[in-house]
C-alpha cells in the first residue's frame, strides 16, 4: 500500500466514524447544557479536528530557498535522465 493509499484509507475511516462522533457530541451537549447556567455550543463540550477551520495564509519563499529548490530539481532531473 502506498502512502497516498494509506492517506485515502484513513480519511475514509474518519469520514465513516464522523456521524457516530457527532451523535455522541449531541448527547454530551444536551447533558452539559441541562446542567449549565450559561449557553454552550456543541463544540464547547467536544471539539473535533473537522471543527477547526484552517487558516490559509500566503506562503512566501525567499530567493535563497528558490535557488536551492532549482538545484535540487536539476539533480533529480539528471538522476531520472541518466538513471
N, C-alpha and C. Protein backbone atom coordinates (compact mmCIF):
# COMPACT_ATOMS: atom_id res chain seq x y z
N UNK A 1 0.86 -1.17 0.00
CA UNK A 1 0.00 0.00 0.00
C UNK A 1 0.90 1.23 0.00
N UNK A 2 0.61 2.16 -0.90
CA UNK A 2 1.41 3.37 -0.97
C UNK A 2 0.96 4.36 0.10
N UNK A 3 1.78 5.38 0.29
CA UNK A 3 1.46 6.40 1.27
C UNK A 3 0.16 7.13 0.90
N UNK A 4 -0.05 7.37 -0.38
CA UNK A 4 -1.28 8.03 -0.84
C UNK A 4 -2.51 7.15 -0.55
N UNK A 5 -2.36 5.85 -0.72
CA UNK A 5 -3.46 4.93 -0.44
C UNK A 5 -3.77 4.89 1.05
N UNK A 6 -2.74 4.93 1.88
CA UNK A 6 -2.92 4.94 3.33
C UNK A 6 -3.67 6.20 3.75
N UNK A 7 -3.27 7.33 3.16
CA UNK A 7 -3.94 8.60 3.49
C UNK A 7 -5.42 8.55 3.11
N UNK A 8 -5.73 8.05 1.92
CA UNK A 8 -7.13 7.93 1.50
C UNK A 8 -7.90 7.00 2.42
N UNK A 9 -7.29 5.90 2.82
CA UNK A 9 -7.93 4.95 3.71
C UNK A 9 -8.27 5.61 5.05
N UNK A 10 -7.30 6.33 5.61
CA UNK A 10 -7.52 6.98 6.90
C UNK A 10 -8.57 8.08 6.81
N UNK A 11 -8.57 8.84 5.73
CA UNK A 11 -9.60 9.88 5.55
C UNK A 11 -10.99 9.25 5.45
N UNK A 12 -11.09 8.12 4.76
CA UNK A 12 -12.36 7.41 4.67
C UNK A 12 -12.81 6.88 6.01
N UNK A 13 -11.88 6.39 6.79
CA UNK A 13 -12.19 5.88 8.12
C UNK A 13 -12.72 6.99 9.02
N UNK A 14 -12.09 8.14 8.95
CA UNK A 14 -12.54 9.29 9.75
C UNK A 14 -13.94 9.70 9.31
N UNK A 15 -14.17 9.77 8.00
CA UNK A 15 -15.48 10.15 7.48
C UNK A 15 -16.56 9.17 7.92
N UNK A 16 -16.22 7.89 7.93
CA UNK A 16 -17.18 6.85 8.30
C UNK A 16 -17.58 6.96 9.77
N UNK A 17 -16.65 7.32 10.62
CA UNK A 17 -16.91 7.41 12.06
C UNK A 17 -17.43 8.78 12.50
N UNK A 18 -17.42 9.74 11.61
CA UNK A 18 -17.79 11.11 11.97
C UNK A 18 -19.24 11.21 12.46
N UNK A 19 -20.16 10.55 11.80
CA UNK A 19 -21.56 10.62 12.19
C UNK A 19 -21.76 10.10 13.61
N UNK A 20 -21.09 9.01 13.94
CA UNK A 20 -21.19 8.44 15.28
C UNK A 20 -20.65 9.42 16.32
N UNK A 21 -19.53 10.08 16.01
CA UNK A 21 -18.95 11.05 16.93
C UNK A 21 -19.86 12.26 17.08
N UNK A 22 -20.50 12.68 16.00
CA UNK A 22 -21.43 13.82 16.08
C UNK A 22 -22.62 13.49 16.99
N UNK A 23 -23.12 12.26 16.89
CA UNK A 23 -24.21 11.84 17.77
C UNK A 23 -23.76 11.84 19.23
N UNK A 24 -22.57 11.37 19.48
CA UNK A 24 -22.02 11.37 20.83
C UNK A 24 -21.89 12.79 21.37
N UNK A 25 -21.45 13.69 20.51
CA UNK A 25 -21.29 15.08 20.93
C UNK A 25 -22.65 15.70 21.29
N UNK A 26 -23.68 15.41 20.50
CA UNK A 26 -25.01 15.97 20.77
C UNK A 26 -25.55 15.48 22.11
N UNK A 27 -25.37 14.19 22.39
CA UNK A 27 -25.82 13.65 23.68
C UNK A 27 -25.08 14.33 24.82
N UNK A 28 -23.76 14.46 24.69
CA UNK A 28 -22.96 15.11 25.73
C UNK A 28 -23.35 16.58 25.87
N UNK A 29 -23.63 17.22 24.75
CA UNK A 29 -24.04 18.63 24.77
C UNK A 29 -25.36 18.83 25.52
N UNK A 30 -26.33 17.98 25.24
CA UNK A 30 -27.64 18.09 25.90
C UNK A 30 -27.49 17.90 27.41
N UNK A 31 -26.70 16.92 27.81
CA UNK A 31 -26.48 16.68 29.24
C UNK A 31 -25.76 17.87 29.88
N UNK A 32 -24.73 18.38 29.22
CA UNK A 32 -23.98 19.51 29.78
C UNK A 32 -24.83 20.77 29.82
N UNK A 33 -25.62 21.01 28.77
CA UNK A 33 -26.45 22.22 28.73
C UNK A 33 -27.52 22.19 29.82
N UNK A 34 -28.05 21.02 30.09
CA UNK A 34 -29.07 20.89 31.14
C UNK A 34 -28.50 21.21 32.52
N UNK A 35 -27.20 20.99 32.70
CA UNK A 35 -26.57 21.23 34.00
C UNK A 35 -25.87 22.58 34.08
N UNK A 36 -25.83 23.32 32.98
CA UNK A 36 -25.08 24.56 32.94
C UNK A 36 -25.98 25.78 33.07
N UNK A 37 -25.43 26.84 33.64
CA UNK A 37 -26.18 28.10 33.76
C UNK A 37 -25.87 29.04 32.59
N UNK A 38 -24.92 28.72 31.78
CA UNK A 38 -24.58 29.56 30.63
C UNK A 38 -24.88 28.82 29.33
N UNK A 39 -24.99 29.56 28.25
CA UNK A 39 -25.26 28.94 26.95
C UNK A 39 -23.98 28.28 26.42
N UNK A 40 -24.11 27.05 26.00
CA UNK A 40 -22.99 26.30 25.46
C UNK A 40 -23.20 26.03 23.98
N UNK A 41 -22.13 25.76 23.31
CA UNK A 41 -22.15 25.28 21.93
C UNK A 41 -21.71 23.82 21.95
N UNK A 42 -22.17 23.02 21.00
CA UNK A 42 -21.71 21.62 20.96
C UNK A 42 -20.19 21.49 20.94
N UNK A 43 -19.51 22.43 20.26
CA UNK A 43 -18.04 22.36 20.20
C UNK A 43 -17.39 22.73 21.53
N UNK A 44 -18.16 23.34 22.46
CA UNK A 44 -17.62 23.61 23.79
C UNK A 44 -17.48 22.32 24.60
N UNK A 45 -18.33 21.36 24.28
CA UNK A 45 -18.33 20.08 25.01
C UNK A 45 -17.30 19.14 24.41
N UNK A 46 -17.34 18.98 23.11
CA UNK A 46 -16.37 18.13 22.39
C UNK A 46 -15.94 18.87 21.13
N UNK A 47 -14.66 19.03 20.95
CA UNK A 47 -14.13 19.68 19.76
C UNK A 47 -13.39 18.64 18.92
N UNK A 48 -13.75 18.56 17.65
CA UNK A 48 -13.14 17.59 16.75
C UNK A 48 -12.25 18.29 15.73
N UNK A 49 -11.36 17.55 15.11
CA UNK A 49 -10.47 18.16 14.10
C UNK A 49 -11.23 18.83 12.96
N UNK A 50 -12.39 18.33 12.61
CA UNK A 50 -13.13 18.93 11.50
C UNK A 50 -13.85 20.21 11.91
N UNK A 51 -13.84 20.54 13.20
CA UNK A 51 -14.41 21.80 13.68
C UNK A 51 -13.45 22.97 13.48
N UNK A 52 -12.17 22.67 13.46
CA UNK A 52 -11.16 23.71 13.39
C UNK A 52 -11.02 24.15 11.94
N UNK A 53 -11.23 25.44 11.73
CA UNK A 53 -11.07 25.99 10.38
C UNK A 53 -9.61 26.35 10.19
N UNK A 54 -9.04 25.80 9.15
CA UNK A 54 -7.64 26.07 8.87
C UNK A 54 -7.50 27.46 8.26
N UNK A 55 -6.55 28.19 8.79
CA UNK A 55 -6.27 29.50 8.23
C UNK A 55 -5.25 29.31 7.12
N UNK A 56 -5.66 29.72 5.94
CA UNK A 56 -4.77 29.56 4.79
C UNK A 56 -4.07 30.89 4.53
N UNK A 57 -2.87 30.98 5.05
CA UNK A 57 -2.08 32.18 4.84
C UNK A 57 -1.24 32.02 3.59
N UNK A 58 -0.75 33.12 3.13
CA UNK A 58 0.08 33.07 1.94
C UNK A 58 1.49 32.63 2.33
N UNK A 59 2.01 31.68 1.60
CA UNK A 59 3.35 31.18 1.86
C UNK A 59 4.34 31.94 1.00
N UNK A 60 5.42 32.38 1.60
CA UNK A 60 6.44 33.07 0.83
C UNK A 60 7.70 32.23 0.79
N UNK A 61 8.40 32.34 -0.30
CA UNK A 61 9.65 31.62 -0.50
C UNK A 61 10.73 32.65 -0.78
N UNK A 62 11.83 32.55 -0.05
CA UNK A 62 12.93 33.50 -0.27
C UNK A 62 13.68 33.13 -1.54
N UNK A 63 14.48 34.07 -2.01
CA UNK A 63 15.28 33.82 -3.22
C UNK A 63 16.26 32.67 -2.98
N UNK A 64 16.81 32.59 -1.78
CA UNK A 64 17.76 31.52 -1.46
C UNK A 64 17.07 30.16 -1.50
N UNK A 65 15.86 30.09 -0.95
CA UNK A 65 15.11 28.84 -0.97
C UNK A 65 14.75 28.44 -2.40
N UNK A 66 14.39 29.43 -3.21
CA UNK A 66 14.05 29.15 -4.60
C UNK A 66 15.26 28.61 -5.36
N UNK A 67 16.42 29.18 -5.13
CA UNK A 67 17.63 28.70 -5.79
C UNK A 67 17.97 27.28 -5.34
N UNK A 68 17.82 27.00 -4.06
CA UNK A 68 18.07 25.65 -3.53
C UNK A 68 17.11 24.64 -4.17
N UNK A 69 15.85 25.03 -4.32
CA UNK A 69 14.87 24.13 -4.94
C UNK A 69 15.19 23.89 -6.41
N UNK A 70 15.66 24.92 -7.09
CA UNK A 70 16.05 24.75 -8.50
C UNK A 70 17.21 23.76 -8.62
N UNK A 71 18.20 23.89 -7.73
CA UNK A 71 19.35 22.98 -7.76
C UNK A 71 18.91 21.54 -7.49
N UNK A 72 18.01 21.35 -6.53
CA UNK A 72 17.51 20.01 -6.24
C UNK A 72 16.75 19.45 -7.44
N UNK A 73 15.96 20.29 -8.10
CA UNK A 73 15.22 19.84 -9.27
C UNK A 73 16.16 19.42 -10.39
N UNK A 74 17.26 20.16 -10.57
CA UNK A 74 18.24 19.80 -11.60
C UNK A 74 18.89 18.46 -11.28
N UNK A 75 19.22 18.23 -9.99
CA UNK A 75 19.82 16.95 -9.59
C UNK A 75 18.85 15.79 -9.84
N UNK A 76 17.60 15.97 -9.50
CA UNK A 76 16.59 14.92 -9.71
C UNK A 76 16.42 14.67 -11.20
N UNK A 77 16.42 15.74 -12.00
CA UNK A 77 16.28 15.59 -13.45
C UNK A 77 17.45 14.78 -14.02
N UNK A 78 18.66 15.06 -13.54
CA UNK A 78 19.84 14.32 -14.00
C UNK A 78 19.73 12.85 -13.64
N UNK A 79 19.26 12.54 -12.41
CA UNK A 79 19.11 11.15 -11.99
C UNK A 79 18.08 10.43 -12.84
N UNK A 80 17.01 11.09 -13.16
CA UNK A 80 15.96 10.46 -13.96
C UNK A 80 16.44 10.20 -15.38
N UNK A 81 17.12 11.17 -15.96
CA UNK A 81 17.57 11.05 -17.35
C UNK A 81 18.74 10.09 -17.52
N UNK A 82 19.59 9.98 -16.51
CA UNK A 82 20.79 9.13 -16.62
C UNK A 82 20.70 7.88 -15.77
N UNK A 83 19.60 7.71 -15.06
CA UNK A 83 19.50 6.59 -14.13
C UNK A 83 18.83 5.45 -14.74
